[in-house]
C-alpha cells in the first residue's frame, strides 16, 4: 500500500469515527427516557378452594389406597358440578412424632396427601362443594380464595398499556418544555405488570370443619365470601424523540 492509499484510509477511518461520535452525541442529546403508569380495578370473577385428602396408616399401600379412593369419589362428584379441577399435590412419606417419654422419634405411619384445586365462576358453586366436604373424615378444606381469571386480567392489562404510554408522553412533554423543546415520536418502549390477584377471606378452616361436623346452627351456612377488586397495574419505560 503506497503513501496516498494509507493517507486516504486514515482519512476514511477518522471520518467514520467522527460520524459515529456524532450519532451517539445526537442520540444522547435528542432523546428522553421516562416512565409511565396505569392502574385499574377489575372485579374478581373466580372463586377457588383446595380439597386436601390426608390419610395416615402403618401400611404404605393402605394409606395410598384409602387416599386415592377418596379422591376418586370426590372427582366423580365434581364431574357433576360446573367447576374446574386439577391435582395440585400428591405426596406420601413416613410420618414420625417425638415421644417425650422415650425421648426419641417414633414411626406413626405413612401419610399420603392428595390435593385438588377446585375453581368456579360463581361463589355459590364453591359453597356447594364446601357444604358437602367440610367435616368429612380425612378431608381438609383449605385455601379458600377469590381471584380474577387470566382472561379478565389480560383484558385489563391490554386496556392499560395505551394509558401508561400516554402518561409517559405527558411527562416527556413537561420535561422537554423546561428546555423549550417538545417531545416527538415514540422510539422504544417496554412494560411490566403487577397487582394483587387473590384474597383468602376465611382463615381457620379446621374450625369451620369442626363446626360443620357438629351439624348445629353455628355450622358453615354459605354466603360469607366477599372479595375486593383486583388492582392491576402497568408500568412502561419509554424513549421519546426530542425536537
C-alpha atoms as a PDB file:
ATOM      1  CA  UNK A   1       0.000   0.000   0.000  1.00  0.00           C
ATOM      2  CA  UNK A   2       1.517   3.317  -1.109  1.00  0.00           C
ATOM      3  CA  UNK A   3       1.571   6.564   0.860  1.00  0.00           C
ATOM      4  CA  UNK A   4      -1.522   8.042  -0.859  1.00  0.00           C
ATOM      5  CA  UNK A   5      -3.583   4.937  -0.130  1.00  0.00           C
ATOM      6  CA  UNK A   6      -2.522   4.967   3.513  1.00  0.00           C
ATOM      7  CA  UNK A   7      -3.431   8.640   3.809  1.00  0.00           C
ATOM      8  CA  UNK A   8      -6.832   8.053   2.206  1.00  0.00           C
ATOM      9  CA  UNK A   9      -7.521   5.092   4.513  1.00  0.00           C
ATOM     10  CA  UNK A  10      -6.607   7.170   7.570  1.00  0.00           C
ATOM     11  CA  UNK A  11      -8.983   9.929   6.468  1.00  0.00           C
ATOM     12  CA  UNK A  12     -11.829   7.418   5.959  1.00  0.00           C
ATOM     13  CA  UNK A  13     -11.277   5.891   9.412  1.00  0.00           C
ATOM     14  CA  UNK A  14     -11.222   9.312  11.066  1.00  0.00           C
ATOM     15  CA  UNK A  15     -14.352  10.388   9.215  1.00  0.00           C
ATOM     16  CA  UNK A  16     -16.149   7.195  10.184  1.00  0.00           C
ATOM     17  CA  UNK A  17     -15.169   7.707  13.823  1.00  0.00           C
ATOM     18  CA  UNK A  18     -16.440  11.287  13.750  1.00  0.00           C
ATOM     19  CA  UNK A  19     -19.752  10.136  12.265  1.00  0.00           C
ATOM     20  CA  UNK A  20     -20.202   7.508  14.987  1.00  0.00           C
ATOM     21  CA  UNK A  21     -19.334  10.074  17.648  1.00  0.00           C
ATOM     22  CA  UNK A  22     -21.812  12.494  16.128  1.00  0.00           C
ATOM     23  CA  UNK A  23     -24.577   9.901  16.014  1.00  0.00           C
ATOM     24  CA  UNK A  24     -24.038   8.924  19.647  1.00  0.00           C
ATOM     25  CA  UNK A  25     -23.881  12.544  20.721  1.00  0.00           C
ATOM     26  CA  UNK A  26     -27.018  13.330  18.684  1.00  0.00           C
ATOM     27  CA  UNK A  27     -28.886  10.380  20.234  1.00  0.00           C
ATOM     28  CA  UNK A  28     -27.860  11.359  23.746  1.00  0.00           C
ATOM     29  CA  UNK A  29     -28.977  14.945  23.249  1.00  0.00           C
ATOM     30  CA  UNK A  30     -32.149  14.263  21.281  1.00  0.00           C
ATOM     31  CA  UNK A  31     -33.964  11.529  23.179  1.00  0.00           C
ATOM     32  CA  UNK A  32     -35.535  11.324  26.608  1.00  0.00           C
ATOM     33  CA  UNK A  33     -36.384   8.262  28.719  1.00  0.00           C
ATOM     34  CA  UNK A  34     -39.384   8.420  31.053  1.00  0.00           C
ATOM     35  CA  UNK A  35     -41.680   6.090  32.959  1.00  0.00           C
ATOM     36  CA  UNK A  36     -45.459   5.904  32.798  1.00  0.00           C
ATOM     37  CA  UNK A  37     -48.082   4.123  34.880  1.00  0.00           C
ATOM     38  CA  UNK A  38     -51.685   2.994  34.744  1.00  0.00           C
ATOM     39  CA  UNK A  39     -53.783   1.249  37.406  1.00  0.00           C
ATOM     40  CA  UNK A  40     -57.236  -0.276  37.069  1.00  0.00           C
ATOM     41  CA  UNK A  41     -59.582  -2.226  39.346  1.00  0.00           C
ATOM     42  CA  UNK A  42     -61.024  -5.481  37.996  1.00  0.00           C
ATOM     43  CA  UNK A  43     -63.774  -7.458  39.780  1.00  0.00           C
ATOM     44  CA  UNK A  44     -62.800 -10.923  40.980  1.00  0.00           C
ATOM     45  CA  UNK A  45     -64.673 -13.374  38.777  1.00  0.00           C
ATOM     46  CA  UNK A  46     -63.354 -16.720  40.078  1.00  0.00           C
ATOM     47  CA  UNK A  47     -63.615 -18.486  43.426  1.00  0.00           C
ATOM     48  CA  UNK A  48     -61.452 -21.460  44.372  1.00  0.00           C
ATOM     49  CA  UNK A  49     -60.842 -23.859  47.209  1.00  0.00           C
ATOM     50  CA  UNK A  50     -58.381 -26.687  47.844  1.00  0.00           C
ATOM     51  CA  UNK A  51     -59.681 -30.064  48.968  1.00  0.00           C
ATOM     52  CA  UNK A  52     -56.834 -31.907  50.668  1.00  0.00           C
ATOM     53  CA  UNK A  53     -57.258 -35.608  51.413  1.00  0.00           C
ATOM     54  CA  UNK A  54     -54.799 -36.807  54.077  1.00  0.00           C
ATOM     55  CA  UNK A  55     -54.613 -40.415  55.285  1.00  0.00           C
ATOM     56  CA  UNK A  56     -52.120 -41.921  57.752  1.00  0.00           C
ATOM     57  CA  UNK A  57     -51.712 -45.678  58.115  1.00  0.00           C
ATOM     58  CA  UNK A  58     -48.999 -48.115  59.171  1.00  0.00           C
ATOM     59  CA  UNK A  59     -49.271 -49.746  55.768  1.00  0.00           C
ATOM     60  CA  UNK A  60     -47.952 -47.607  52.868  1.00  0.00           C
ATOM     61  CA  UNK A  61     -50.198 -49.436  50.403  1.00  0.00           C
ATOM     62  CA  UNK A  62     -53.312 -48.945  52.538  1.00  0.00           C
ATOM     63  CA  UNK A  63     -52.519 -45.278  53.143  1.00  0.00           C
ATOM     64  CA  UNK A  64     -52.297 -44.591  49.411  1.00  0.00           C
ATOM     65  CA  UNK A  65     -55.278 -46.819  48.620  1.00  0.00           C
ATOM     66  CA  UNK A  66     -57.633 -45.045  51.037  1.00  0.00           C
ATOM     67  CA  UNK A  67     -56.490 -41.587  49.924  1.00  0.00           C
ATOM     68  CA  UNK A  68     -56.790 -42.459  46.236  1.00  0.00           C
ATOM     69  CA  UNK A  69     -60.255 -43.940  46.706  1.00  0.00           C
ATOM     70  CA  UNK A  70     -61.485 -40.820  48.485  1.00  0.00           C
ATOM     71  CA  UNK A  71     -60.072 -38.549  45.781  1.00  0.00           C
ATOM     72  CA  UNK A  72     -61.720 -40.712  43.105  1.00  0.00           C
ATOM     73  CA  UNK A  73     -65.031 -40.325  44.933  1.00  0.00           C
ATOM     74  CA  UNK A  74     -64.588 -36.538  45.111  1.00  0.00           C
ATOM     75  CA  UNK A  75     -63.682 -36.346  41.426  1.00  0.00           C
ATOM     76  CA  UNK A  76     -66.804 -38.279  40.455  1.00  0.00           C
ATOM     77  CA  UNK A  77     -68.931 -35.790  42.373  1.00  0.00           C
ATOM     78  CA  UNK A  78     -67.120 -32.768  40.943  1.00  0.00           C
ATOM     79  CA  UNK A  79     -67.816 -34.034  37.412  1.00  0.00           C
ATOM     80  CA  UNK A  80     -71.482 -33.320  38.116  1.00  0.00           C
ATOM     81  CA  UNK A  81     -70.686 -29.725  39.082  1.00  0.00           C
ATOM     82  CA  UNK A  82     -69.813 -26.753  36.862  1.00  0.00           C
ATOM     83  CA  UNK A  83     -66.257 -26.423  38.205  1.00  0.00           C
ATOM     84  CA  UNK A  84     -62.660 -26.790  37.050  1.00  0.00           C
ATOM     85  CA  UNK A  85     -60.437 -29.296  38.872  1.00  0.00           C
ATOM     86  CA  UNK A  86     -56.713 -30.019  38.875  1.00  0.00           C
ATOM     87  CA  UNK A  87     -54.418 -32.017  41.152  1.00  0.00           C
ATOM     88  CA  UNK A  88     -52.060 -29.652  42.963  1.00  0.00           C
ATOM     89  CA  UNK A  89     -50.309 -32.110  45.305  1.00  0.00           C
ATOM     90  CA  UNK A  90     -49.577 -35.835  45.546  1.00  0.00           C
ATOM     91  CA  UNK A  91     -47.272 -36.713  48.410  1.00  0.00           C
ATOM     92  CA  UNK A  92     -46.569 -39.815  50.504  1.00  0.00           C
ATOM     93  CA  UNK A  93     -43.959 -40.014  53.267  1.00  0.00           C
ATOM     94  CA  UNK A  94     -43.102 -41.712  56.563  1.00  0.00           C
ATOM     95  CA  UNK A  95     -44.510 -39.667  59.416  1.00  0.00           C
ATOM     96  CA  UNK A  96     -42.785 -39.594  62.796  1.00  0.00           C
ATOM     97  CA  UNK A  97     -43.587 -37.889  66.094  1.00  0.00           C
ATOM     98  CA  UNK A  98     -41.392 -37.088  69.072  1.00  0.00           C
ATOM     99  CA  UNK A  99     -42.153 -39.224  72.134  1.00  0.00           C
ATOM    100  CA  UNK A 100     -41.340 -37.230  75.261  1.00  0.00           C
ATOM    101  CA  UNK A 101     -41.441 -40.292  77.469  1.00  0.00           C
ATOM    102  CA  UNK A 102     -38.855 -42.242  75.498  1.00  0.00           C
ATOM    103  CA  UNK A 103     -37.142 -39.088  74.210  1.00  0.00           C
ATOM    104  CA  UNK A 104     -36.955 -40.354  70.682  1.00  0.00           C
ATOM    105  CA  UNK A 105     -38.730 -40.046  67.374  1.00  0.00           C
ATOM    106  CA  UNK A 106     -41.250 -42.810  66.712  1.00  0.00           C
ATOM    107  CA  UNK A 107     -42.815 -44.015  63.481  1.00  0.00           C
ATOM    108  CA  UNK A 108     -46.513 -43.109  63.268  1.00  0.00           C
ATOM    109  CA  UNK A 109     -47.301 -44.340  59.787  1.00  0.00           C
ATOM    110  CA  UNK A 110     -47.171 -43.395  56.147  1.00  0.00           C
ATOM    111  CA  UNK A 111     -49.057 -40.195  55.455  1.00  0.00           C
ATOM    112  CA  UNK A 112     -50.464 -39.765  51.953  1.00  0.00           C
ATOM    113  CA  UNK A 113     -51.795 -36.387  50.850  1.00  0.00           C
ATOM    114  CA  UNK A 114     -53.613 -35.669  47.593  1.00  0.00           C
ATOM    115  CA  UNK A 115     -54.892 -32.141  46.979  1.00  0.00           C
ATOM    116  CA  UNK A 116     -57.388 -30.913  44.400  1.00  0.00           C
ATOM    117  CA  UNK A 117     -57.768 -27.266  43.415  1.00  0.00           C
ATOM    118  CA  UNK A 118     -61.410 -26.567  42.572  1.00  0.00           C
ATOM    119  CA  UNK A 119     -62.468 -23.291  40.943  1.00  0.00           C
ATOM    120  CA  UNK A 120     -65.680 -21.852  39.502  1.00  0.00           C
ATOM    121  CA  UNK A 121     -67.138 -18.653  38.122  1.00  0.00           C
ATOM    122  CA  UNK A 122     -69.648 -18.468  40.970  1.00  0.00           C
ATOM    123  CA  UNK A 123     -69.234 -18.268  44.731  1.00  0.00           C
ATOM    124  CA  UNK A 124     -72.367 -20.380  45.141  1.00  0.00           C
ATOM    125  CA  UNK A 125     -70.817 -23.288  43.228  1.00  0.00           C
ATOM    126  CA  UNK A 126     -67.798 -23.365  45.523  1.00  0.00           C
ATOM    127  CA  UNK A 127     -70.004 -23.019  48.603  1.00  0.00           C
ATOM    128  CA  UNK A 128     -71.885 -26.115  47.425  1.00  0.00           C
ATOM    129  CA  UNK A 129     -68.583 -28.022  47.372  1.00  0.00           C
ATOM    130  CA  UNK A 130     -67.678 -26.615  50.790  1.00  0.00           C
ATOM    131  CA  UNK A 131     -71.006 -27.637  52.293  1.00  0.00           C
ATOM    132  CA  UNK A 132     -70.561 -31.214  51.043  1.00  0.00           C
ATOM    133  CA  UNK A 133     -66.976 -31.848  52.109  1.00  0.00           C
ATOM    134  CA  UNK A 134     -66.345 -29.673  55.169  1.00  0.00           C
ATOM    135  CA  UNK A 135     -66.274 -32.081  58.113  1.00  0.00           C
ATOM    136  CA  UNK A 136     -65.800 -35.322  56.173  1.00  0.00           C
ATOM    137  CA  UNK A 137     -63.220 -37.766  57.514  1.00  0.00           C
ATOM    138  CA  UNK A 138     -59.713 -37.324  56.064  1.00  0.00           C
ATOM    139  CA  UNK A 139     -60.815 -34.284  54.021  1.00  0.00           C
ATOM    140  CA  UNK A 140     -59.451 -30.830  54.845  1.00  0.00           C
ATOM    141  CA  UNK A 141     -60.812 -27.720  53.171  1.00  0.00           C
ATOM    142  CA  UNK A 142     -58.029 -25.153  52.739  1.00  0.00           C
ATOM    143  CA  UNK A 143     -57.002 -22.052  50.833  1.00  0.00           C
ATOM    144  CA  UNK A 144     -60.442 -20.661  50.076  1.00  0.00           C
ATOM    145  CA  UNK A 145     -59.853 -17.667  47.828  1.00  0.00           C
ATOM    146  CA  UNK A 146     -61.266 -15.335  45.208  1.00  0.00           C
ATOM    147  CA  UNK A 147     -59.275 -14.111  42.216  1.00  0.00           C
ATOM    148  CA  UNK A 148     -59.529 -12.578  38.770  1.00  0.00           C
ATOM    149  CA  UNK A 149     -59.191 -15.095  35.956  1.00  0.00           C
ATOM    150  CA  UNK A 150     -56.433 -14.918  33.352  1.00  0.00           C
ATOM    151  CA  UNK A 151     -58.783 -13.685  30.615  1.00  0.00           C
ATOM    152  CA  UNK A 152     -60.074 -10.715  32.618  1.00  0.00           C
ATOM    153  CA  UNK A 153     -56.574  -9.880  33.836  1.00  0.00           C
ATOM    154  CA  UNK A 154     -55.248  -9.925  30.262  1.00  0.00           C
ATOM    155  CA  UNK A 155     -58.037  -7.578  29.113  1.00  0.00           C
ATOM    156  CA  UNK A 156     -57.254  -5.167  31.952  1.00  0.00           C
ATOM    157  CA  UNK A 157     -53.526  -5.125  31.152  1.00  0.00           C
ATOM    158  CA  UNK A 158     -54.142  -4.506  27.460  1.00  0.00           C
ATOM    159  CA  UNK A 159     -56.560  -1.661  28.209  1.00  0.00           C
ATOM    160  CA  UNK A 160     -53.955  -0.082  30.490  1.00  0.00           C
ATOM    161  CA  UNK A 161     -50.983  -0.207  28.129  1.00  0.00           C
ATOM    162  CA  UNK A 162     -52.059   2.743  25.983  1.00  0.00           C
ATOM    163  CA  UNK A 163     -52.858   4.886  29.018  1.00  0.00           C
ATOM    164  CA  UNK A 164     -49.462   4.126  30.562  1.00  0.00           C
ATOM    165  CA  UNK A 165     -47.715   5.241  27.352  1.00  0.00           C
ATOM    166  CA  UNK A 166     -49.778   8.446  27.267  1.00  0.00           C
ATOM    167  CA  UNK A 167     -48.801   9.055  30.884  1.00  0.00           C
ATOM    168  CA  UNK A 168     -45.152   8.680  29.885  1.00  0.00           C
ATOM    169  CA  UNK A 169     -45.629  11.053  26.925  1.00  0.00           C
ATOM    170  CA  UNK A 170     -47.146  13.697  29.196  1.00  0.00           C
ATOM    171  CA  UNK A 171     -44.088  13.537  31.419  1.00  0.00           C
ATOM    172  CA  UNK A 172     -41.772  13.710  28.418  1.00  0.00           C
ATOM    173  CA  UNK A 173     -43.592  16.810  27.156  1.00  0.00           C
ATOM    174  CA  UNK A 174     -43.289  18.573  30.509  1.00  0.00           C
ATOM    175  CA  UNK A 175     -39.606  17.709  30.838  1.00  0.00           C
ATOM    176  CA  UNK A 176     -38.836  18.862  27.288  1.00  0.00           C
ATOM    177  CA  UNK A 177     -40.795  22.073  27.849  1.00  0.00           C
ATOM    178  CA  UNK A 178     -38.292  23.032  30.520  1.00  0.00           C
ATOM    179  CA  UNK A 179     -35.651  23.208  27.781  1.00  0.00           C
ATOM    180  CA  UNK A 180     -38.060  24.956  25.379  1.00  0.00           C
ATOM    181  CA  UNK A 181     -38.317  21.812  23.268  1.00  0.00           C
ATOM    182  CA  UNK A 182     -41.042  19.272  22.635  1.00  0.00           C
ATOM    183  CA  UNK A 183     -41.393  15.506  22.716  1.00  0.00           C
ATOM    184  CA  UNK A 184     -41.783  13.815  19.356  1.00  0.00           C
ATOM    185  CA  UNK A 185     -42.381  10.252  18.260  1.00  0.00           C
ATOM    186  CA  UNK A 186     -42.047   7.203  20.479  1.00  0.00           C
ATOM    187  CA  UNK A 187     -38.781   5.394  19.704  1.00  0.00           C
ATOM    188  CA  UNK A 188     -38.828   2.472  22.139  1.00  0.00           C
ATOM    189  CA  UNK A 189     -40.979   1.110  24.966  1.00  0.00           C
ATOM    190  CA  UNK A 190     -41.047  -1.810  27.417  1.00  0.00           C
ATOM    191  CA  UNK A 191     -43.507  -2.658  30.175  1.00  0.00           C
ATOM    192  CA  UNK A 192     -44.044  -4.650  33.357  1.00  0.00           C
ATOM    193  CA  UNK A 193     -47.197  -5.562  35.282  1.00  0.00           C
ATOM    194  CA  UNK A 194     -48.161  -6.033  38.907  1.00  0.00           C
ATOM    195  CA  UNK A 195     -51.095  -6.195  41.276  1.00  0.00           C
ATOM    196  CA  UNK A 196     -52.894  -8.271  43.881  1.00  0.00           C
ATOM    197  CA  UNK A 197     -54.784 -11.165  42.314  1.00  0.00           C
ATOM    198  CA  UNK A 198     -56.330 -13.176  45.149  1.00  0.00           C
ATOM    199  CA  UNK A 199     -57.718 -12.873  48.642  1.00  0.00           C
ATOM    200  CA  UNK A 200     -58.385 -15.504  51.294  1.00  0.00           C
ATOM    201  CA  UNK A 201     -61.441 -14.250  53.213  1.00  0.00           C
ATOM    202  CA  UNK A 202     -61.556 -17.143  55.711  1.00  0.00           C
ATOM    203  CA  UNK A 203     -58.588 -18.102  57.831  1.00  0.00           C
ATOM    204  CA  UNK A 204     -59.244 -21.109  60.075  1.00  0.00           C
ATOM    205  CA  UNK A 205     -60.715 -23.991  58.087  1.00  0.00           C
ATOM    206  CA  UNK A 206     -60.132 -26.546  60.814  1.00  0.00           C
ATOM    207  CA  UNK A 207     -62.578 -24.596  62.991  1.00  0.00           C
ATOM    208  CA  UNK A 208     -65.032 -24.451  60.093  1.00  0.00           C
ATOM    209  CA  UNK A 209     -64.622 -28.211  59.604  1.00  0.00           C
ATOM    210  CA  UNK A 210     -65.325 -28.915  63.271  1.00  0.00           C
ATOM    211  CA  UNK A 211     -68.376 -26.644  63.325  1.00  0.00           C
ATOM    212  CA  UNK A 212     -69.786 -28.287  60.218  1.00  0.00           C
ATOM    213  CA  UNK A 213     -69.277 -31.714  61.770  1.00  0.00           C
ATOM    214  CA  UNK A 214     -71.343 -30.634  64.794  1.00  0.00           C
ATOM    215  CA  UNK A 215     -74.319 -30.024  62.460  1.00  0.00           C
ATOM    216  CA  UNK A 216     -75.579 -27.141  64.581  1.00  0.00           C
ATOM    217  CA  UNK A 217     -76.873 -23.679  63.773  1.00  0.00           C
ATOM    218  CA  UNK A 218     -73.294 -22.426  64.043  1.00  0.00           C
ATOM    219  CA  UNK A 219     -72.052 -24.586  61.151  1.00  0.00           C
ATOM    220  CA  UNK A 220     -70.986 -23.063  57.848  1.00  0.00           C
ATOM    221  CA  UNK A 221     -74.071 -21.770  56.056  1.00  0.00           C
ATOM    222  CA  UNK A 222     -72.567 -20.107  52.955  1.00  0.00           C
ATOM    223  CA  UNK A 223     -72.934 -16.546  51.717  1.00  0.00           C
ATOM    224  CA  UNK A 224     -69.848 -15.343  53.581  1.00  0.00           C
ATOM    225  CA  UNK A 225     -67.445 -14.790  50.703  1.00  0.00           C
ATOM    226  CA  UNK A 226     -66.894 -11.231  49.538  1.00  0.00           C
ATOM    227  CA  UNK A 227     -63.804 -10.339  47.531  1.00  0.00           C
ATOM    228  CA  UNK A 228     -62.207  -6.968  46.858  1.00  0.00           C
ATOM    229  CA  UNK A 229     -61.489  -5.968  43.284  1.00  0.00           C
ATOM    230  CA  UNK A 230     -58.126  -6.943  41.824  1.00  0.00           C
ATOM    231  CA  UNK A 231     -55.759  -3.999  41.393  1.00  0.00           C
ATOM    232  CA  UNK A 232     -53.897  -4.377  38.104  1.00  0.00           C
ATOM    233  CA  UNK A 233     -51.003  -2.020  37.373  1.00  0.00           C
ATOM    234  CA  UNK A 234     -48.882  -1.456  34.284  1.00  0.00           C
ATOM    235  CA  UNK A 235     -45.596   0.441  34.207  1.00  0.00           C
ATOM    236  CA  UNK A 236     -43.834   1.384  30.987  1.00  0.00           C
ATOM    237  CA  UNK A 237     -40.342   2.647  30.252  1.00  0.00           C
ATOM    238  CA  UNK A 238     -40.472   4.787  27.110  1.00  0.00           C
ATOM    239  CA  UNK A 239     -37.948   6.626  24.957  1.00  0.00           C
ATOM    240  CA  UNK A 240     -39.162   9.688  23.011  1.00  0.00           C
ATOM    241  CA  UNK A 241     -37.541  11.821  20.380  1.00  0.00           C
ATOM    242  CA  UNK A 242     -36.893  15.417  21.472  1.00  0.00           C
ATOM    243  CA  UNK A 243     -37.217  18.170  18.857  1.00  0.00           C
END
